[in-house]
C-alpha cells in the first residue's frame, strides 16, 4: 500500500492547544481517528500512512492526553461530554463537514457523541475495541471501575490507580497478544511517560469516574445505529479482556449489516495488526465512501 507524509500540527480550540496528526489529500474523504486510554494519536502512527493515499486522515490528541493541552481539573472539566465538545469544535475548525470515524476505547463514547449530535456528518464508523454495549465490558477488568463509578472514595480509587501504573499500562498493551515480542516497548513507555506528568492522576481519575455517563448513553447509541443505518466495521482484538468480543458481535443487533472481524490480538490491535486492519478498512471504506 502507498505511504504518505504525516504532518504534525496544532490548533487552538476553546483557548486550548489541540495537537493532531494529518496526512492525505485535503480534498479526499475525511477519516477522523479517535484514540483511547492511555494513549494518544501515537497509537495511529503505523495506520495513518497506510490510508493517506486515499483519505484525508486526521488524528487529534484529546485534551489531557498526548501533546494536547492538559489543564488541571480546576481549569477544565474532565468529562466525556466536554472532550466530545472540544472534538466537535476541532472538526469545525478544520472544516470537516463530513467524516468517517475510527473509534477505540475512550474514543468510542467521544465519537459516538459526535454522531448523536450530527448524524448527517458521520459517513461510516470503524470501531476497534470501541465499545457501545454492556456485554462488551470485561467483568474482571471493569469491576474496580464500576465500583468507583458507584461511589468515589479513596478506597475505590486505589485499585483504579493501578491502571495508571507502569505495570498497568504495559498490561493493557500485552495482555492477549499471542506474541508479545511484536509489540514495541516504545508504545507503552510513551504512554507511561506522559501519565507520569504532574496532575495526570487527578485528570485520569476524574475522567474514568465519569464513565458511567457513557453507559447511560448506550440506549441512545443503539437508537442512532437503528435509525441511521450507518455503515459499521468492527475490527476487534478478540483476546481483549477490557472490551471483550461480545461487544463487537453486539453491533449486529442494531446494525444487521455490520461487518465484524475478530483478530488474534489484544486491546491495542494496531500494535500487531495495523496492516490487516488497514486492508479491511480500505475494502470497507472503498465500498461506502465517495472516492477522493
Protein backbone atom coordinates (compact mmCIF):
# COMPACT_ATOMS: atom_id res chain seq x y z
CA UNK A 1 0.00 0.00 0.00
CA UNK A 2 1.30 3.50 -0.76
CA UNK A 3 2.51 5.69 2.07
CA UNK A 4 2.16 9.41 2.59
CA UNK A 5 3.91 12.07 4.65
CA UNK A 6 2.35 12.83 8.03
CA UNK A 7 2.09 16.43 9.24
CA UNK A 8 2.22 17.29 12.95
CA UNK A 9 0.06 20.33 13.73
CA UNK A 10 -1.77 22.21 16.45
CA UNK A 11 -4.94 24.30 16.53
CA UNK A 12 -6.44 26.31 19.37
CA UNK A 13 -9.90 25.19 20.48
CA UNK A 14 -11.64 26.97 23.35
CA UNK A 15 -8.32 28.51 24.30
CA UNK A 16 -6.66 25.08 24.50
CA UNK A 17 -3.98 23.79 22.15
CA UNK A 18 -5.02 20.59 20.39
CA UNK A 19 -2.25 18.60 18.74
CA UNK A 20 -3.09 16.43 15.76
CA UNK A 21 -1.54 14.34 13.01
CA UNK A 22 -2.76 14.81 9.46
CA UNK A 23 -1.97 13.16 6.15
CA UNK A 24 -3.54 12.71 2.76
CA UNK A 25 -5.12 14.96 0.11
CA UNK A 26 -7.12 17.87 1.52
CA UNK A 27 -10.00 17.14 -0.88
CA UNK A 28 -10.21 13.41 -0.12
CA UNK A 29 -12.94 11.86 2.07
CA UNK A 30 -12.10 12.62 5.71
CA UNK A 31 -11.32 9.98 8.30
CA UNK A 32 -11.20 11.08 11.96
CA UNK A 33 -9.20 8.78 14.23
CA UNK A 34 -10.08 9.00 17.94
CA UNK A 35 -7.70 7.29 20.34
CA UNK A 36 -8.35 5.57 23.65
CA UNK A 37 -6.81 5.44 27.11
CA UNK A 38 -3.95 5.71 27.97
CA UNK A 39 -2.67 6.51 24.50
CA UNK A 40 -2.85 9.39 22.04
CA UNK A 41 -2.65 9.84 18.28
CA UNK A 42 0.65 7.98 18.69
CA UNK A 43 -1.36 4.76 18.52
CA UNK A 44 -2.15 5.54 14.86
CA UNK A 45 1.46 6.09 13.77
CA UNK A 46 1.51 2.88 11.67
CA UNK A 47 -2.06 3.11 10.36
CA UNK A 48 -2.08 6.67 9.02
CA UNK A 49 0.47 6.14 6.20
CA UNK A 50 -1.46 3.07 5.05
CA UNK A 51 -4.62 5.10 4.43
CA UNK A 52 -3.38 8.54 3.46
CA UNK A 53 -3.08 7.90 -0.27
CA UNK A 54 -6.87 7.65 -0.43
CA UNK A 55 -8.21 9.63 2.55
CA UNK A 56 -7.64 12.83 4.49
CA UNK A 57 -6.65 11.22 7.78
CA UNK A 58 -6.77 13.32 10.96
CA UNK A 59 -5.90 12.09 14.45
CA UNK A 60 -6.11 14.52 17.38
CA UNK A 61 -4.89 14.04 20.94
CA UNK A 62 -7.75 14.51 23.41
CA UNK A 63 -7.36 17.27 25.99
CA UNK A 64 -5.32 15.79 28.85
CA UNK A 65 -3.59 13.29 26.56
CA UNK A 66 -0.53 13.19 24.34
CA UNK A 67 0.75 16.56 23.19
CA UNK A 68 -2.53 18.42 23.61
CA UNK A 69 -3.08 20.83 26.49
CA UNK A 70 -3.59 19.21 29.89
CA UNK A 71 -5.00 21.86 32.23
CA UNK A 72 -5.74 20.82 35.79
CA UNK A 73 -9.23 19.69 36.84
CA UNK A 74 -9.82 23.09 38.40
CA UNK A 75 -9.45 24.68 34.94
CA UNK A 76 -11.15 22.06 32.76
CA UNK A 77 -13.96 19.64 33.49
CA UNK A 78 -12.68 16.19 32.53
CA UNK A 79 -15.89 14.55 31.37
CA UNK A 80 -16.67 12.74 28.15
CA UNK A 81 -19.23 15.41 27.31
CA UNK A 82 -16.51 18.07 27.46
CA UNK A 83 -13.98 16.03 25.45
CA UNK A 84 -16.64 15.45 22.80
CA UNK A 85 -17.49 19.16 22.73
CA UNK A 86 -13.84 20.05 22.15
CA UNK A 87 -13.57 17.40 19.44
CA UNK A 88 -16.73 18.71 17.78
CA UNK A 89 -15.32 22.23 17.68
CA UNK A 90 -12.00 20.81 16.46
CA UNK A 91 -13.75 19.28 13.43
CA UNK A 92 -15.37 22.63 12.64
CA UNK A 93 -12.05 24.45 12.93
CA UNK A 94 -10.59 22.05 10.37
CA UNK A 95 -13.59 22.32 8.07
CA UNK A 96 -14.67 18.70 8.42
CA UNK A 97 -18.26 18.80 7.22
CA UNK A 98 -18.45 15.03 6.75
CA UNK A 99 -16.14 12.34 8.06
CA UNK A 100 -15.82 8.66 8.84
CA UNK A 101 -14.91 7.75 12.41
CA UNK A 102 -12.30 5.33 13.75
CA UNK A 103 -13.06 4.83 17.44
CA UNK A 104 -11.08 2.88 20.04
CA UNK A 105 -11.62 2.64 23.81
CA UNK A 106 -12.28 6.21 25.12
CA UNK A 107 -12.56 7.35 21.50
CA UNK A 108 -15.82 5.39 21.18
CA UNK A 109 -18.02 7.39 23.59
CA UNK A 110 -16.41 10.60 22.33
CA UNK A 111 -17.00 9.77 18.66
CA UNK A 112 -20.49 8.41 19.21
CA UNK A 113 -21.46 11.65 20.94
CA UNK A 114 -20.48 13.43 17.72
CA UNK A 115 -22.67 11.01 15.79
CA UNK A 116 -25.63 11.67 18.10
CA UNK A 117 -25.19 15.44 17.71
CA UNK A 118 -24.57 15.40 13.96
CA UNK A 119 -25.75 12.10 12.44
CA UNK A 120 -25.59 13.52 8.93
CA UNK A 121 -21.89 14.27 9.22
CA UNK A 122 -20.74 10.72 10.01
CA UNK A 123 -20.28 8.73 6.81
CA UNK A 124 -19.13 5.45 8.36
CA UNK A 125 -17.76 4.03 11.61
CA UNK A 126 -14.79 1.76 12.18
CA UNK A 127 -14.71 0.51 15.76
CA UNK A 128 -11.57 -1.20 17.01
CA UNK A 129 -12.29 -2.36 20.54
CA UNK A 130 -14.50 0.69 20.89
CA UNK A 131 -17.42 -0.47 22.98
CA UNK A 132 -21.11 0.52 22.94
CA UNK A 133 -22.79 -2.49 24.64
CA UNK A 134 -22.84 -3.70 28.23
CA UNK A 135 -21.89 -7.24 27.20
CA UNK A 136 -18.64 -5.83 25.85
CA UNK A 137 -17.42 -4.91 29.34
CA UNK A 138 -14.93 -7.50 30.59
CA UNK A 139 -16.17 -8.43 34.09
CA UNK A 140 -12.81 -8.61 35.87
CA UNK A 141 -11.28 -5.54 34.21
CA UNK A 142 -14.35 -3.38 34.85
CA UNK A 143 -15.17 -4.42 38.42
CA UNK A 144 -12.96 -1.77 40.09
CA UNK A 145 -14.08 0.91 37.66
CA UNK A 146 -17.76 0.20 38.22
CA UNK A 147 -17.16 0.35 41.98
CA UNK A 148 -15.52 3.75 41.53
CA UNK A 149 -18.42 4.98 39.41
CA UNK A 150 -20.90 3.88 42.06
CA UNK A 151 -19.05 5.72 44.86
CA UNK A 152 -15.78 7.60 44.56
CA UNK A 153 -13.72 7.27 47.73
CA UNK A 154 -10.00 6.79 48.46
CA UNK A 155 -10.80 3.08 48.86
CA UNK A 156 -12.42 2.73 45.43
CA UNK A 157 -9.77 4.94 43.82
CA UNK A 158 -6.88 2.74 44.99
CA UNK A 159 -7.33 -0.22 42.60
CA UNK A 160 -8.09 2.11 39.70
CA UNK A 161 -4.84 3.97 40.29
CA UNK A 162 -3.05 0.71 39.45
CA UNK A 163 -4.38 1.03 35.90
CA UNK A 164 -2.18 4.12 35.50
CA UNK A 165 0.97 2.46 36.88
CA UNK A 166 3.77 1.36 34.51
CA UNK A 167 2.76 -2.27 35.00
CA UNK A 168 -0.89 -1.44 34.45
CA UNK A 169 -0.17 0.37 31.18
CA UNK A 170 2.12 -2.42 29.98
CA UNK A 171 -0.57 -4.99 30.72
CA UNK A 172 -3.05 -3.12 28.54
CA UNK A 173 -0.68 -3.46 25.60
CA UNK A 174 0.48 -7.04 26.15
CA UNK A 175 -2.48 -8.98 27.53
CA UNK A 176 -4.00 -11.31 24.98
CA UNK A 177 -1.19 -10.84 22.46
CA UNK A 178 -0.06 -14.27 21.19
CA UNK A 179 3.48 -12.99 20.51
CA UNK A 180 4.29 -10.06 22.83
CA UNK A 181 7.65 -9.59 21.11
CA UNK A 182 5.71 -7.97 18.24
CA UNK A 183 4.63 -5.09 20.49
CA UNK A 184 7.17 -2.28 20.55
CA UNK A 185 8.03 -1.20 24.12
CA UNK A 186 8.05 2.34 22.72
CA UNK A 187 4.25 2.30 22.80
CA UNK A 188 3.64 1.61 26.48
CA UNK A 189 6.75 3.50 27.59
CA UNK A 190 5.48 6.54 25.65
CA UNK A 191 2.13 6.38 27.46
CA UNK A 192 3.74 5.74 30.84
CA UNK A 193 5.98 8.79 30.50
CA UNK A 194 3.02 11.04 29.69
CA UNK A 195 0.96 9.65 32.57
CA UNK A 196 3.84 10.48 34.93
CA UNK A 197 3.41 14.22 34.34
CA UNK A 198 2.19 16.28 37.31
CA UNK A 199 -1.59 16.35 37.62
CA UNK A 200 -2.24 13.33 35.42
CA UNK A 201 -3.52 11.10 38.21
CA UNK A 202 -6.25 13.59 39.11
CA UNK A 203 -7.12 14.17 35.44
CA UNK A 204 -7.48 10.49 34.68
CA UNK A 205 -9.39 9.68 37.86
CA UNK A 206 -11.89 12.43 37.07
CA UNK A 207 -12.37 11.12 33.56
CA UNK A 208 -12.77 7.45 34.40
CA UNK A 209 -15.14 8.39 37.22
CA UNK A 210 -17.36 9.88 34.53
CA UNK A 211 -17.50 6.65 32.51
CA UNK A 212 -20.96 5.94 33.90
CA UNK A 213 -22.24 8.75 31.69
CA UNK A 214 -21.21 6.64 28.70
CA UNK A 215 -23.10 3.60 29.95
CA UNK A 216 -26.18 5.76 30.36
CA UNK A 217 -25.94 6.77 26.69
CA UNK A 218 -25.78 3.20 25.36
CA UNK A 219 -29.54 3.12 24.55
CA UNK A 220 -29.19 6.40 22.62
CA UNK A 221 -26.23 4.99 20.71
CA UNK A 222 -28.27 1.90 19.82
CA UNK A 223 -31.16 4.04 18.61
CA UNK A 224 -28.73 6.06 16.48
CA UNK A 225 -27.49 2.84 14.88
CA UNK A 226 -31.00 1.63 14.13
CA UNK A 227 -32.21 4.92 12.69
CA UNK A 228 -29.09 5.98 10.77
CA UNK A 229 -28.10 2.54 9.44
CA UNK A 230 -24.58 3.92 9.43
CA UNK A 231 -22.08 1.57 7.72
CA UNK A 232 -20.04 -0.02 10.51
CA UNK A 233 -16.91 -2.16 10.53
CA UNK A 234 -15.79 -3.76 13.80
CA UNK A 235 -12.15 -4.88 13.82
CA UNK A 236 -11.62 -6.30 17.28
CA UNK A 237 -8.73 -7.80 19.16
CA UNK A 238 -10.51 -10.99 20.21
CA UNK A 239 -8.24 -11.58 23.22
CA UNK A 240 -9.03 -8.21 24.77
CA UNK A 241 -10.07 -8.60 28.42
CA UNK A 242 -11.17 -4.96 28.72
CA UNK A 243 -13.66 -4.87 25.85
CA UNK A 244 -14.45 -8.49 25.07
CA UNK A 245 -15.57 -9.88 21.67
CA UNK A 246 -19.23 -9.98 22.71
CA UNK A 247 -19.14 -6.21 22.41
CA UNK A 248 -18.11 -6.46 18.76
CA UNK A 249 -20.78 -9.01 17.89
CA UNK A 250 -23.46 -6.93 19.63
CA UNK A 251 -23.31 -4.25 16.92
CA UNK A 252 -25.17 -6.65 14.63
CA UNK A 253 -28.20 -6.44 16.91
CA UNK A 254 -28.88 -2.85 15.83
CA UNK A 255 -26.93 -2.89 12.56
CA UNK A 256 -27.56 -6.32 10.99
CA UNK A 257 -25.22 -5.49 8.09
CA UNK A 258 -22.32 -4.54 10.36
CA UNK A 259 -19.09 -6.24 9.31
CA UNK A 260 -17.32 -7.86 12.26
CA UNK A 261 -13.79 -9.24 12.19
CA UNK A 262 -12.17 -10.77 15.28
CA UNK A 263 -8.39 -10.61 15.08
CA UNK A 264 -5.83 -12.64 17.07
CA UNK A 265 -4.79 -9.56 19.03
CA UNK A 266 -5.37 -7.69 22.28
CA UNK A 267 -6.75 -4.30 23.28
CA UNK A 268 -4.29 -2.33 21.13
CA UNK A 269 -4.69 -4.39 17.98
CA UNK A 270 -2.89 -1.81 15.82
CA UNK A 271 0.37 -2.67 17.55
CA UNK A 272 0.40 -6.09 15.88
CA UNK A 273 -2.21 -5.90 13.10
CA UNK A 274 -2.01 -2.45 11.51
CA UNK A 275 -1.58 -3.93 8.02
CA UNK A 276 -4.56 -6.26 8.41
CA UNK A 277 -6.78 -3.50 9.83
CA UNK A 278 -5.74 -1.10 7.07
CA UNK A 279 -6.63 -3.68 4.42
CA UNK A 280 -10.05 -4.28 5.97
CA UNK A 281 -10.65 -0.53 6.20
CA UNK A 282 -9.63 0.13 2.61
CA UNK A 283 -12.05 -2.52 1.40
CA UNK A 284 -14.89 -1.37 3.68
CA UNK A 285 -14.47 2.38 3.18
CA UNK A 286 -13.94 1.86 -0.53
CA UNK A 287 -17.46 0.43 -0.72
CA UNK A 288 -19.11 3.08 1.43
CA UNK A 289 -17.33 6.41 0.89
CA UNK A 290 -17.11 8.57 -2.23
CA UNK A 291 -13.76 8.48 -3.95
CA UNK A 292 -11.41 11.42 -3.47
